Amino acid sequence: MTTIEAVVFDLDGVIIDTEEVWEEVRRAYVAEHGREFLPDSQTRMMGMSTGEWSRHLSEDVGVPRRPEDVAADVLGRMAGRYREALPLIPGAVEAVRRLAARFPLALASSSARVLIDQVLETAGLRDAFRVTLSTEEVARGKPAPDVYLAAVDRLGLSPRVCAAVEDSSNGLRAAGAAGLAVVAVPHGVYPPAEDALALASLVVHDLSELTVEAVGKLR
């Protein structure tokens, strides 16, 4: 029988409630340049790497700035918002600490490295994770499996013995494609698509439900 030996967390939407902040900041930035989101821009960008979403805003939405400049502008604004107030999801720090006492943990996030480091430092969680990865550091962002495959590889394990904790459609698809056991924590404002949610072996609606016992039963 296979058992879970490690857990890989997403960041945005699982540990910090920032999807609305990302949307607000990027919409305002786009509007300042006389443009508007495309109908599917928000959904498409959830899970994209920094290079991918900045290219989308520059090339598809039409912001008259180079993708690297778009990224720098938006990340600077996001970092400022995090410095003002870190929107931790209730129970997130406790859930991470609870699982870290039993399993090696990794973080696989679509956020830029500068934001990952700032969040973990502010939340006091830097020591909880053995591995932290941004999709900036792999070839493709979510829903491609790259960041999950890299995370479990750095843990020295196979995907089969790892679990992922995710909220978004693209994140759930990435973890499922990588072969991890998937735990879904659906976001109330941005719920995952039904096909993505169907990939989850466990769905929790409150992080207090994310226990060592629940994770241990995934396989």
N, C-alpha and C. Protein backbone atom coordinates (compact mmCIF):
# COMPACT_ATOMS: atom_id res chain seq x y z
N MET A 1 0.84 -1.20 0.00
CA MET A 1 0.00 0.00 0.00
C MET A 1 0.87 1.25 0.00
N THR A 2 0.55 2.20 -0.88
CA THR A 2 1.28 3.46 -0.91
C THR A 2 0.78 4.38 0.18
N THR A 3 1.69 5.07 0.84
CA THR A 3 1.30 6.06 1.84
C THR A 3 1.88 7.41 1.48
N ILE A 4 1.25 8.46 1.96
CA ILE A 4 1.72 9.81 1.70
C ILE A 4 2.95 10.08 2.57
N GLU A 5 4.00 10.57 1.92
CA GLU A 5 5.25 10.85 2.62
C GLU A 5 5.61 12.33 2.68
N ALA A 6 4.92 13.17 1.89
CA ALA A 6 5.21 14.60 1.88
C ALA A 6 4.00 15.35 1.34
N VAL A 7 3.94 16.64 1.66
CA VAL A 7 2.82 17.48 1.21
C VAL A 7 3.38 18.73 0.54
N VAL A 8 2.79 19.09 -0.59
CA VAL A 8 3.18 20.29 -1.34
C VAL A 8 2.02 21.28 -1.32
N PHE A 9 2.26 22.45 -0.78
CA PHE A 9 1.24 23.49 -0.69
C PHE A 9 1.34 24.48 -1.84
N ASP A 10 0.18 24.93 -2.31
CA ASP A 10 0.10 26.15 -3.10
C ASP A 10 0.15 27.32 -2.11
N LEU A 11 0.31 28.53 -2.60
CA LEU A 11 0.37 29.71 -1.73
C LEU A 11 -0.89 30.56 -1.84
N ASP A 12 -1.08 31.18 -3.01
CA ASP A 12 -2.24 32.07 -3.18
C ASP A 12 -3.53 31.27 -3.20
N GLY A 13 -4.45 31.64 -2.33
CA GLY A 13 -5.73 30.95 -2.25
C GLY A 13 -5.75 29.80 -1.28
N VAL A 14 -4.57 29.40 -0.78
CA VAL A 14 -4.48 28.32 0.21
C VAL A 14 -3.94 28.85 1.53
N ILE A 15 -2.82 29.57 1.47
CA ILE A 15 -2.22 30.15 2.68
C ILE A 15 -2.59 31.62 2.82
N ILE A 16 -2.58 32.34 1.71
CA ILE A 16 -2.98 33.75 1.73
C ILE A 16 -4.12 33.96 0.74
N ASP A 17 -5.05 34.82 1.11
CA ASP A 17 -6.24 35.06 0.29
C ASP A 17 -5.99 36.26 -0.60
N THR A 18 -5.30 36.03 -1.70
CA THR A 18 -4.83 37.16 -2.52
C THR A 18 -5.40 37.20 -3.92
N GLU A 19 -6.23 36.25 -4.30
CA GLU A 19 -6.72 36.27 -5.68
C GLU A 19 -7.46 37.58 -5.97
N GLU A 20 -8.25 38.07 -5.01
CA GLU A 20 -8.96 39.33 -5.22
C GLU A 20 -7.98 40.51 -5.28
N VAL A 21 -6.90 40.42 -4.49
CA VAL A 21 -5.89 41.49 -4.52
C VAL A 21 -5.20 41.51 -5.87
N TRP A 22 -4.81 40.32 -6.36
CA TRP A 22 -4.19 40.24 -7.69
C TRP A 22 -5.10 40.83 -8.75
N GLU A 23 -6.39 40.46 -8.71
CA GLU A 23 -7.31 40.97 -9.72
C GLU A 23 -7.45 42.49 -9.62
N GLU A 24 -7.60 42.99 -8.42
CA GLU A 24 -7.75 44.43 -8.21
C GLU A 24 -6.53 45.19 -8.72
N VAL A 25 -5.34 44.72 -8.37
CA VAL A 25 -4.11 45.40 -8.77
C VAL A 25 -3.92 45.35 -10.28
N ARG A 26 -4.12 44.17 -10.87
CA ARG A 26 -3.89 44.06 -12.31
C ARG A 26 -4.95 44.79 -13.12
N ARG A 27 -6.22 44.76 -12.67
CA ARG A 27 -7.26 45.50 -13.39
C ARG A 27 -6.97 47.00 -13.35
N ALA A 28 -6.58 47.51 -12.18
CA ALA A 28 -6.29 48.94 -12.06
C ALA A 28 -5.11 49.32 -12.95
N TYR A 29 -4.10 48.46 -12.99
CA TYR A 29 -2.91 48.72 -13.81
C TYR A 29 -3.28 48.76 -15.30
N VAL A 30 -4.08 47.80 -15.71
CA VAL A 30 -4.52 47.74 -17.11
C VAL A 30 -5.34 48.97 -17.45
N ALA A 31 -6.25 49.36 -16.55
CA ALA A 31 -7.11 50.52 -16.80
C ALA A 31 -6.31 51.81 -16.92
N GLU A 32 -5.24 51.91 -16.12
CA GLU A 32 -4.39 53.10 -16.19
C GLU A 32 -3.77 53.28 -17.58
N HIS A 33 -3.64 52.16 -18.28
CA HIS A 33 -3.06 52.20 -19.62
C HIS A 33 -4.14 52.16 -20.70
N GLY A 34 -5.40 52.44 -20.30
CA GLY A 34 -6.47 52.54 -21.28
C GLY A 34 -6.93 51.23 -21.87
N ARG A 35 -6.72 50.15 -21.14
CA ARG A 35 -7.12 48.84 -21.64
C ARG A 35 -8.07 48.17 -20.65
N GLU A 36 -8.67 47.05 -21.06
CA GLU A 36 -9.55 46.27 -20.20
C GLU A 36 -9.17 44.80 -20.29
N PHE A 37 -9.43 44.06 -19.20
CA PHE A 37 -9.25 42.61 -19.23
C PHE A 37 -10.08 42.01 -20.37
N LEU A 38 -9.59 40.95 -20.97
CA LEU A 38 -10.40 40.14 -21.85
C LEU A 38 -11.39 39.33 -21.00
N PRO A 39 -12.47 38.82 -21.58
CA PRO A 39 -13.47 38.10 -20.78
C PRO A 39 -12.89 36.95 -19.95
N ASP A 40 -11.83 36.31 -20.45
CA ASP A 40 -11.27 35.17 -19.72
C ASP A 40 -9.92 35.47 -19.09
N SER A 41 -9.52 36.74 -19.01
CA SER A 41 -8.18 37.08 -18.51
C SER A 41 -7.96 36.61 -17.09
N GLN A 42 -8.91 36.89 -16.18
CA GLN A 42 -8.71 36.53 -14.78
C GLN A 42 -8.56 35.02 -14.62
N THR A 43 -9.43 34.26 -15.26
CA THR A 43 -9.37 32.79 -15.17
C THR A 43 -8.07 32.27 -15.75
N ARG A 44 -7.67 32.81 -16.89
CA ARG A 44 -6.44 32.34 -17.54
C ARG A 44 -5.21 32.62 -16.69
N MET A 45 -5.18 33.77 -16.03
CA MET A 45 -3.98 34.16 -15.30
C MET A 45 -3.81 33.45 -13.97
N MET A 46 -4.87 32.85 -13.44
CA MET A 46 -4.74 32.13 -12.17
C MET A 46 -3.88 30.89 -12.39
N GLY A 47 -2.69 30.89 -11.84
CA GLY A 47 -1.77 29.77 -12.01
C GLY A 47 -0.65 30.05 -12.99
N MET A 48 -0.80 31.10 -13.81
CA MET A 48 0.27 31.42 -14.75
C MET A 48 1.51 31.90 -14.01
N SER A 49 2.66 31.64 -14.59
CA SER A 49 3.90 32.18 -14.05
C SER A 49 3.97 33.68 -14.33
N THR A 50 4.92 34.35 -13.68
CA THR A 50 5.08 35.79 -13.87
C THR A 50 5.30 36.14 -15.34
N GLY A 51 6.15 35.39 -16.00
CA GLY A 51 6.42 35.65 -17.41
C GLY A 51 5.19 35.45 -18.28
N GLU A 52 4.36 34.47 -17.90
CA GLU A 52 3.17 34.18 -18.71
C GLU A 52 2.09 35.25 -18.54
N TRP A 53 1.77 35.62 -17.27
CA TRP A 53 0.69 36.61 -17.12
C TRP A 53 1.12 38.01 -17.57
N SER A 54 2.41 38.35 -17.39
CA SER A 54 2.86 39.67 -17.85
C SER A 54 2.83 39.74 -19.38
N ARG A 55 3.14 38.63 -20.04
CA ARG A 55 3.07 38.58 -21.49
C ARG A 55 1.60 38.67 -21.96
N HIS A 56 0.70 38.03 -21.21
CA HIS A 56 -0.73 38.11 -21.55
C HIS A 56 -1.21 39.56 -21.47
N LEU A 57 -0.85 40.27 -20.40
CA LEU A 57 -1.29 41.66 -20.26
C LEU A 57 -0.67 42.56 -21.33
N SER A 58 0.56 42.29 -21.68
CA SER A 58 1.25 43.11 -22.67
C SER A 58 0.78 42.80 -24.09
N GLU A 59 0.76 41.53 -24.45
CA GLU A 59 0.53 41.15 -25.83
C GLU A 59 -0.94 40.91 -26.17
N ASP A 60 -1.69 40.30 -25.24
CA ASP A 60 -3.10 39.98 -25.53
C ASP A 60 -4.04 41.10 -25.10
N VAL A 61 -3.83 41.65 -23.91
CA VAL A 61 -4.68 42.73 -23.42
C VAL A 61 -4.28 44.06 -24.05
N GLY A 62 -2.99 44.22 -24.35
CA GLY A 62 -2.54 45.40 -25.07
C GLY A 62 -1.94 46.50 -24.24
N VAL A 63 -1.51 46.20 -23.01
CA VAL A 63 -0.82 47.21 -22.21
C VAL A 63 0.46 47.61 -22.96
N PRO A 64 0.66 48.89 -23.22
CA PRO A 64 1.80 49.32 -24.04
C PRO A 64 3.12 49.36 -23.27
N ARG A 65 3.47 48.24 -22.68
CA ARG A 65 4.72 48.08 -21.94
C ARG A 65 5.27 46.69 -22.26
N ARG A 66 6.58 46.54 -22.21
CA ARG A 66 7.17 45.22 -22.41
C ARG A 66 6.77 44.30 -21.28
N PRO A 67 6.65 42.99 -21.53
CA PRO A 67 6.24 42.07 -20.48
C PRO A 67 7.09 42.18 -19.21
N GLU A 68 8.40 42.36 -19.36
CA GLU A 68 9.25 42.45 -18.17
C GLU A 68 8.96 43.72 -17.37
N ASP A 69 8.54 44.78 -18.07
CA ASP A 69 8.18 46.02 -17.37
C ASP A 69 6.83 45.87 -16.68
N VAL A 70 5.90 45.20 -17.35
CA VAL A 70 4.59 44.92 -16.73
C VAL A 70 4.79 44.12 -15.45
N ALA A 71 5.63 43.09 -15.52
CA ALA A 71 5.88 42.27 -14.34
C ALA A 71 6.46 43.09 -13.20
N ALA A 72 7.45 43.90 -13.48
CA ALA A 72 8.08 44.71 -12.44
C ALA A 72 7.09 45.68 -11.82
N ASP A 73 6.26 46.31 -12.66
CA ASP A 73 5.27 47.27 -12.16
C ASP A 73 4.27 46.59 -11.23
N VAL A 74 3.70 45.49 -11.68
CA VAL A 74 2.65 44.82 -10.92
C VAL A 74 3.21 44.18 -9.65
N LEU A 75 4.37 43.54 -9.75
CA LEU A 75 4.96 42.92 -8.56
C LEU A 75 5.30 43.97 -7.51
N GLY A 76 5.74 45.13 -7.94
CA GLY A 76 6.02 46.19 -6.99
C GLY A 76 4.78 46.62 -6.24
N ARG A 77 3.66 46.68 -6.94
CA ARG A 77 2.40 47.05 -6.30
C ARG A 77 1.92 45.94 -5.35
N MET A 78 2.08 44.70 -5.76
CA MET A 78 1.68 43.59 -4.90
C MET A 78 2.52 43.54 -3.63
N ALA A 79 3.82 43.75 -3.76
CA ALA A 79 4.70 43.75 -2.58
C ALA A 79 4.28 44.85 -1.62
N GLY A 80 3.90 46.00 -2.16
CA GLY A 80 3.43 47.09 -1.32
C GLY A 80 2.18 46.72 -0.56
N ARG A 81 1.26 46.03 -1.22
CA ARG A 81 0.04 45.61 -0.55
C ARG A 81 0.34 44.61 0.56
N TYR A 82 1.29 43.70 0.32
CA TYR A 82 1.65 42.71 1.33
C TYR A 82 2.30 43.38 2.54
N ARG A 83 3.05 44.44 2.29
CA ARG A 83 3.68 45.14 3.41
C ARG A 83 2.64 45.84 4.28
N GLU A 84 1.58 46.30 3.64
CA GLU A 84 0.50 46.98 4.38
C GLU A 84 -0.25 45.99 5.26
N ALA A 85 -0.59 44.83 4.69
CA ALA A 85 -1.36 43.83 5.44
C ALA A 85 -1.28 42.50 4.69
N LEU A 86 -0.88 41.46 5.38
CA LEU A 86 -0.78 40.13 4.77
C LEU A 86 -2.10 39.40 4.99
N PRO A 87 -2.83 39.10 3.92
CA PRO A 87 -4.16 38.51 4.07
C PRO A 87 -4.12 36.99 4.28
N LEU A 88 -3.64 36.58 5.44
CA LEU A 88 -3.57 35.15 5.74
C LEU A 88 -4.97 34.55 5.82
N ILE A 89 -5.15 33.37 5.24
CA ILE A 89 -6.41 32.66 5.35
C ILE A 89 -6.54 32.08 6.76
N PRO A 90 -7.68 32.22 7.40
CA PRO A 90 -7.85 31.69 8.76
C PRO A 90 -7.48 30.21 8.84
N GLY A 91 -6.63 29.88 9.80
CA GLY A 91 -6.22 28.50 10.01
C GLY A 91 -5.07 28.03 9.15
N ALA A 92 -4.58 28.91 8.25
CA ALA A 92 -3.52 28.47 7.33
C ALA A 92 -2.21 28.19 8.04
N VAL A 93 -1.77 29.11 8.89
CA VAL A 93 -0.51 28.91 9.60
C VAL A 93 -0.59 27.66 10.46
N GLU A 94 -1.70 27.48 11.13
CA GLU A 94 -1.88 26.29 11.98
C GLU A 94 -1.86 25.01 11.15
N ALA A 95 -2.50 25.03 9.98
CA ALA A 95 -2.51 23.84 9.12
C ALA A 95 -1.11 23.49 8.63
N VAL A 96 -0.35 24.51 8.23
CA VAL A 96 1.03 24.26 7.78
C VAL A 96 1.85 23.68 8.92
N ARG A 97 1.77 24.27 10.09
CA ARG A 97 2.54 23.78 11.24
C ARG A 97 2.11 22.37 11.63
N ARG A 98 0.82 22.10 11.56
CA ARG A 98 0.30 20.79 11.93
C ARG A 98 0.86 19.71 11.00
N LEU A 99 0.86 19.97 9.69
CA LEU A 99 1.36 18.98 8.74
C LEU A 99 2.88 18.91 8.75
N ALA A 100 3.54 20.05 9.02
CA ALA A 100 5.00 20.06 9.06
C ALA A 100 5.54 19.21 10.21
N ALA A 101 4.76 19.02 11.24
CA ALA A 101 5.18 18.19 12.37
C ALA A 101 5.21 16.71 12.01
N ARG A 102 4.55 16.36 10.90
CA ARG A 102 4.48 14.95 10.49
C ARG A 102 5.13 14.68 9.13
N PHE A 103 5.02 15.64 8.19
CA PHE A 103 5.49 15.43 6.83
C PHE A 103 6.53 16.48 6.43
N PRO A 104 7.48 16.13 5.55
CA PRO A 104 8.26 17.17 4.88
C PRO A 104 7.32 17.98 3.99
N LEU A 105 7.49 19.30 3.98
CA LEU A 105 6.62 20.15 3.17
C LEU A 105 7.40 20.87 2.08
N ALA A 106 6.71 21.10 0.96
CA ALA A 106 7.24 21.95 -0.11
C ALA A 106 6.17 22.96 -0.46
N LEU A 107 6.59 24.02 -1.12
CA LEU A 107 5.68 25.05 -1.60
C LEU A 107 5.88 25.17 -3.11
N ALA A 108 4.77 25.12 -3.86
CA ALA A 108 4.82 25.23 -5.32
C ALA A 108 3.86 26.33 -5.72
N SER A 109 4.38 27.52 -5.98
CA SER A 109 3.53 28.70 -6.15
C SER A 109 3.73 29.37 -7.50
N SER A 110 2.66 30.01 -7.97
CA SER A 110 2.76 30.82 -9.18
C SER A 110 3.24 32.22 -8.88
N SER A 111 3.33 32.58 -7.61
CA SER A 111 3.84 33.89 -7.24
C SER A 111 5.33 34.00 -7.56
N ALA A 112 5.77 35.23 -7.74
CA ALA A 112 7.19 35.48 -7.97
C ALA A 112 7.99 35.16 -6.71
N ARG A 113 9.25 34.84 -6.89
CA ARG A 113 10.12 34.50 -5.76
C ARG A 113 10.13 35.61 -4.70
N VAL A 114 10.16 36.86 -5.12
CA VAL A 114 10.22 37.97 -4.17
C VAL A 114 8.98 37.99 -3.28
N LEU A 115 7.82 37.63 -3.83
CA LEU A 115 6.60 37.62 -3.04
C LEU A 115 6.52 36.39 -2.14
N ILE A 116 6.96 35.24 -2.64
CA ILE A 116 6.99 34.03 -1.81
C ILE A 116 7.83 34.27 -0.56
N ASP A 117 9.03 34.79 -0.75
CA ASP A 117 9.94 35.00 0.38
C ASP A 117 9.35 35.99 1.38
N GLN A 118 8.72 37.04 0.86
CA GLN A 118 8.14 38.03 1.75
C GLN A 118 6.99 37.45 2.57
N VAL A 119 6.12 36.68 1.93
CA VAL A 119 4.99 36.08 2.64
C VAL A 119 5.46 35.14 3.73
N LEU A 120 6.39 34.26 3.41
CA LEU A 120 6.86 33.29 4.40
C LEU A 120 7.56 33.97 5.56
N GLU A 121 8.30 35.03 5.27
CA GLU A 121 8.97 35.77 6.33
C GLU A 121 7.95 36.45 7.24
N THR A 122 6.99 37.11 6.65
CA THR A 122 5.99 37.83 7.43
C THR A 122 5.11 36.88 8.23
N ALA A 123 4.77 35.74 7.65
CA ALA A 123 3.91 34.77 8.33
C ALA A 123 4.66 33.89 9.33
N GLY A 124 5.99 33.99 9.35
CA GLY A 124 6.79 33.16 10.24
C GLY A 124 6.82 31.71 9.84
N LEU A 125 6.75 31.44 8.53
CA LEU A 125 6.68 30.06 8.03
C LEU A 125 7.90 29.64 7.22
N ARG A 126 8.92 30.46 7.20
CA ARG A 126 10.08 30.14 6.36
C ARG A 126 10.69 28.78 6.72
N ASP A 127 10.71 28.45 8.01
CA ASP A 127 11.33 27.19 8.44
C ASP A 127 10.43 25.98 8.26
N ALA A 128 9.18 26.19 7.86
CA ALA A 128 8.23 25.08 7.76
C ALA A 128 8.42 24.28 6.47
N PHE A 129 9.02 24.90 5.46
CA PHE A 129 9.13 24.27 4.14
C PHE A 129 10.57 23.90 3.82
N ARG A 130 10.77 22.65 3.44
CA ARG A 130 12.10 22.20 3.02
C ARG A 130 12.44 22.69 1.61
N VAL A 131 11.40 22.86 0.79
CA VAL A 131 11.57 23.29 -0.59
C VAL A 131 10.54 24.36 -0.89
N THR A 132 10.96 25.45 -1.55
CA THR A 132 10.00 26.43 -2.07
C THR A 132 10.34 26.71 -3.52
N LEU A 133 9.31 26.70 -4.36
CA LEU A 133 9.52 26.90 -5.79
C LEU A 133 8.48 27.87 -6.35
N SER A 134 8.93 28.73 -7.23
CA SER A 134 8.05 29.58 -8.01
C SER A 134 7.98 29.03 -9.43
N THR A 135 6.84 29.23 -10.09
CA THR A 135 6.77 28.82 -11.49
C THR A 135 7.71 29.62 -12.37
N GLU A 136 8.26 30.73 -11.84
CA GLU A 136 9.32 31.45 -12.55
C GLU A 136 10.54 30.54 -12.77
N GLU A 137 10.69 29.55 -11.90
CA GLU A 137 11.90 28.74 -11.87
C GLU A 137 11.77 27.43 -12.64
N VAL A 138 10.64 27.24 -13.32
CA VAL A 138 10.45 26.07 -14.17
C VAL A 138 10.01 26.54 -15.55
N ALA A 139 9.92 25.61 -16.48
CA ALA A 139 9.65 26.00 -17.87
C ALA A 139 8.24 26.54 -18.08
N ARG A 140 7.26 25.91 -17.42
CA ARG A 140 5.86 26.28 -17.66
C ARG A 140 5.12 26.45 -16.35
N GLY A 141 4.17 27.41 -16.34
CA GLY A 141 3.33 27.60 -15.17
C GLY A 141 2.18 26.61 -15.15
N LYS A 142 1.40 26.65 -14.09
CA LYS A 142 0.20 25.82 -13.99
C LYS A 142 -0.79 26.26 -15.08
N PRO A 143 -1.52 25.35 -15.73
CA PRO A 143 -1.82 23.97 -15.35
C PRO A 143 -0.80 22.92 -15.76
N ALA A 144 0.32 23.31 -16.35
CA ALA A 144 1.39 22.33 -16.61
C ALA A 144 1.91 21.80 -15.28
N PRO A 145 2.36 20.56 -15.23
CA PRO A 145 2.78 19.94 -13.97
C PRO A 145 4.18 20.30 -13.51
N ASP A 146 4.90 21.14 -14.25
CA ASP A 146 6.33 21.35 -14.04
C ASP A 146 6.71 21.69 -12.60
N VAL A 147 6.01 22.64 -11.99
CA VAL A 147 6.42 23.09 -10.66
C VAL A 147 6.21 22.01 -9.61
N TYR A 148 5.18 21.18 -9.79
CA TYR A 148 4.97 20.07 -8.84
C TYR A 148 6.00 18.97 -9.04
N LEU A 149 6.32 18.68 -10.28
CA LEU A 149 7.33 17.66 -10.54
C LEU A 149 8.69 18.10 -9.99
N ALA A 150 9.01 19.38 -10.14
CA ALA A 150 10.28 19.88 -9.62
C ALA A 150 10.30 19.86 -8.10
N ALA A 151 9.18 20.19 -7.47
CA ALA A 151 9.11 20.23 -6.01
C ALA A 151 9.33 18.84 -5.41
N VAL A 152 8.63 17.85 -5.94
CA VAL A 152 8.80 16.50 -5.36
C VAL A 152 10.17 15.93 -5.67
N ASP A 153 10.72 16.31 -6.83
CA ASP A 153 12.07 15.87 -7.16
C ASP A 153 13.08 16.43 -6.16
N ARG A 154 12.92 17.69 -5.78
CA ARG A 154 13.83 18.29 -4.80
C ARG A 154 13.64 17.70 -3.40
N LEU A 155 12.46 17.18 -3.15
CA LEU A 155 12.24 16.47 -1.88
C LEU A 155 12.85 15.07 -1.92
N GLY A 156 13.23 14.62 -3.11
CA GLY A 156 13.80 13.28 -3.25
C GLY A 156 12.75 12.19 -3.26
N LEU A 157 11.53 12.53 -3.69
CA LEU A 157 10.42 11.58 -3.65
C LEU A 157 9.76 11.48 -5.02
N SER A 158 8.85 10.53 -5.15
CA SER A 158 8.07 10.42 -6.37
C SER A 158 6.70 11.06 -6.15
N PRO A 159 6.05 11.53 -7.21
CA PRO A 159 4.72 12.13 -7.06
C PRO A 159 3.72 11.20 -6.38
N ARG A 160 3.87 9.91 -6.60
CA ARG A 160 2.91 8.94 -6.08
C ARG A 160 2.79 9.01 -4.56
N VAL A 161 3.85 9.39 -3.87
CA VAL A 161 3.81 9.40 -2.41
C VAL A 161 3.67 10.82 -1.85
N CYS A 162 3.24 11.75 -2.70
CA CYS A 162 3.08 13.14 -2.26
C CYS A 162 1.65 13.61 -2.47
N ALA A 163 1.24 14.55 -1.64
CA ALA A 163 -0.07 15.17 -1.76
C ALA A 163 0.10 16.65 -2.05
N ALA A 164 -0.85 17.22 -2.78
CA ALA A 164 -0.86 18.65 -3.09
C ALA A 164 -2.10 19.28 -2.49
N VAL A 165 -1.95 20.52 -2.02
CA VAL A 165 -3.07 21.28 -1.49
C VAL A 165 -3.27 22.49 -2.38
N GLU A 166 -4.39 22.56 -3.07
CA GLU A 166 -4.63 23.56 -4.11
C GLU A 166 -6.04 24.14 -4.05
N ASP A 167 -6.22 25.31 -4.65
CA ASP A 167 -7.55 25.93 -4.68
C ASP A 167 -8.08 26.18 -6.08
N SER A 168 -7.22 26.54 -7.03
CA SER A 168 -7.68 27.00 -8.34
C SER A 168 -7.78 25.86 -9.35
N SER A 169 -8.52 26.11 -10.41
CA SER A 169 -8.65 25.12 -11.47
C SER A 169 -7.29 24.73 -12.04
N ASN A 170 -6.48 25.73 -12.40
CA ASN A 170 -5.19 25.44 -12.99
C ASN A 170 -4.25 24.75 -12.01
N GLY A 171 -4.33 25.12 -10.74
CA GLY A 171 -3.51 24.47 -9.73
C GLY A 171 -3.89 23.01 -9.53
N LEU A 172 -5.18 22.74 -9.47
CA LEU A 172 -5.65 21.36 -9.33
C LEU A 172 -5.24 20.53 -10.54
N ARG A 173 -5.34 21.12 -11.71
CA ARG A 173 -4.95 20.40 -12.93
C ARG A 173 -3.45 20.12 -12.95
N ALA A 174 -2.67 21.08 -12.49
CA ALA A 174 -1.22 20.89 -12.45
C ALA A 174 -0.83 19.75 -11.51
N ALA A 175 -1.41 19.77 -10.31
CA ALA A 175 -1.09 18.72 -9.34
C ALA A 175 -1.56 17.35 -9.82
N GLY A 176 -2.76 17.32 -10.41
CA GLY A 176 -3.26 16.05 -10.94
C GLY A 176 -2.41 15.52 -12.07
N ALA A 177 -2.00 16.42 -12.98
CA ALA A 177 -1.16 16.00 -14.11
C ALA A 177 0.19 15.50 -13.65
N ALA A 178 0.68 16.02 -12.52
CA ALA A 178 1.97 15.58 -11.99
C ALA A 178 1.87 14.24 -11.26
N GLY A 179 0.65 13.80 -10.96
CA GLY A 179 0.48 12.51 -10.33
C GLY A 179 0.41 12.52 -8.82
N LEU A 180 0.26 13.71 -8.21
CA LEU A 180 0.13 13.78 -6.76
C LEU A 180 -1.32 13.49 -6.36
N ALA A 181 -1.51 13.05 -5.13
CA ALA A 181 -2.85 12.99 -4.56
C ALA A 181 -3.28 14.43 -4.29
N VAL A 182 -4.49 14.79 -4.68
CA VAL A 182 -4.89 16.18 -4.67
C VAL A 182 -5.92 16.47 -3.59
N VAL A 183 -5.63 17.51 -2.80
CA VAL A 183 -6.59 18.05 -1.83
C VAL A 183 -7.04 19.40 -2.35
N ALA A 184 -8.34 19.59 -2.49
CA ALA A 184 -8.89 20.86 -2.97
C ALA A 184 -9.42 21.67 -1.80
N VAL A 185 -9.07 22.97 -1.81
CA VAL A 185 -9.61 23.93 -0.85
C VAL A 185 -10.29 25.00 -1.69
N PRO A 186 -11.53 24.78 -2.13
CA PRO A 186 -12.16 25.70 -3.07
C PRO A 186 -12.28 27.12 -2.53
N HIS A 187 -11.96 28.07 -3.37
CA HIS A 187 -12.06 29.48 -3.00
C HIS A 187 -13.51 29.93 -3.19
N GLY A 188 -14.05 30.67 -2.23
CA GLY A 188 -15.44 31.08 -2.30
C GLY A 188 -15.76 32.01 -3.45
N VAL A 189 -14.83 32.90 -3.80
CA VAL A 189 -15.07 33.88 -4.86
C VAL A 189 -14.66 33.33 -6.23
N TYR A 190 -13.61 32.53 -6.26
CA TYR A 190 -13.11 31.96 -7.51
C TYR A 190 -13.12 30.44 -7.43
N PRO A 191 -14.29 29.81 -7.39
CA PRO A 191 -14.34 28.36 -7.25
C PRO A 191 -13.76 27.66 -8.48
N PRO A 192 -13.16 26.50 -8.28
CA PRO A 192 -12.59 25.77 -9.42
C PRO A 192 -13.68 25.19 -10.31
N ALA A 193 -13.31 24.95 -11.55
CA ALA A 193 -14.21 24.31 -12.50
C ALA A 193 -14.49 22.87 -12.05
N GLU A 194 -15.65 22.37 -12.45
CA GLU A 194 -16.04 21.02 -12.01
C GLU A 194 -15.05 19.96 -12.45
N ASP A 195 -14.51 20.08 -13.67
CA ASP A 195 -13.58 19.06 -14.14
C ASP A 195 -12.29 19.08 -13.33
N ALA A 196 -11.89 20.27 -12.88
CA ALA A 196 -10.67 20.37 -12.06
C ALA A 196 -10.93 19.84 -10.65
N LEU A 197 -12.08 20.18 -10.09
CA LEU A 197 -12.43 19.72 -8.74
C LEU A 197 -12.55 18.21 -8.70
N ALA A 198 -12.95 17.61 -9.81
CA ALA A 198 -13.10 16.16 -9.87
C ALA A 198 -11.77 15.42 -9.72
N LEU A 199 -10.65 16.13 -9.88
CA LEU A 199 -9.33 15.52 -9.73
C LEU A 199 -8.95 15.32 -8.26
N ALA A 200 -9.68 15.97 -7.36
CA ALA A 200 -9.34 15.92 -5.94
C ALA A 200 -9.81 14.64 -5.28
N SER A 201 -8.93 14.08 -4.46
CA SER A 201 -9.30 12.92 -3.64
C SER A 201 -9.98 13.36 -2.36
N LEU A 202 -9.75 14.62 -1.97
CA LEU A 202 -10.33 15.18 -0.75
C LEU A 202 -10.64 16.64 -1.00
N VAL A 203 -11.84 17.07 -0.59
CA VAL A 203 -12.24 18.47 -0.68
C VAL A 203 -12.51 18.97 0.74
N VAL A 204 -11.82 20.04 1.13
CA VAL A 204 -12.06 20.62 2.46
C VAL A 204 -12.50 22.07 2.27
N HIS A 205 -13.41 22.51 3.11
CA HIS A 205 -13.93 23.86 3.00
C HIS A 205 -13.44 24.76 4.14
N ASP A 206 -12.67 24.16 5.02
CA ASP A 206 -12.06 24.90 6.13
C ASP A 206 -10.73 24.23 6.42
N LEU A 207 -9.68 25.01 6.62
CA LEU A 207 -8.35 24.42 6.80
C LEU A 207 -8.21 23.63 8.10
N SER A 208 -9.17 23.77 9.00
CA SER A 208 -9.15 22.93 10.20
C SER A 208 -9.38 21.46 9.84
N GLU A 209 -9.96 21.23 8.66
CA GLU A 209 -10.19 19.86 8.19
C GLU A 209 -8.94 19.23 7.59
N LEU A 210 -7.94 20.04 7.36
CA LEU A 210 -6.69 19.54 6.77
C LEU A 210 -5.81 19.00 7.87
N THR A 211 -6.02 17.75 8.24
CA THR A 211 -5.33 17.12 9.35
C THR A 211 -4.37 16.06 8.86
N VAL A 212 -3.47 15.66 9.74
CA VAL A 212 -2.55 14.57 9.42
C VAL A 212 -3.33 13.30 9.08
N GLU A 213 -4.38 13.04 9.80
CA GLU A 213 -5.18 11.83 9.57
C GLU A 213 -5.85 11.87 8.20
N ALA A 214 -6.39 13.04 7.82
CA ALA A 214 -7.05 13.16 6.52
C ALA A 214 -6.07 12.97 5.38
N VAL A 215 -4.88 13.56 5.50
CA VAL A 215 -3.86 13.41 4.46
C VAL A 215 -3.39 11.97 4.39
N GLY A 216 -3.26 11.33 5.54
CA GLY A 216 -2.78 9.95 5.58
C GLY A 216 -3.70 8.97 4.88
N LYS A 217 -4.97 9.33 4.73
CA LYS A 217 -5.94 8.44 4.09
C LYS A 217 -6.06 8.63 2.58
N LEU A 218 -5.30 9.57 2.03
CA LEU A 218 -5.47 9.92 0.61
C LEU A 218 -5.14 8.77 -0.32
N ARG A 219 -4.18 7.95 0.00
CA ARG A 219 -3.78 6.85 -0.86
C ARG A 219 -4.32 5.53 -0.34
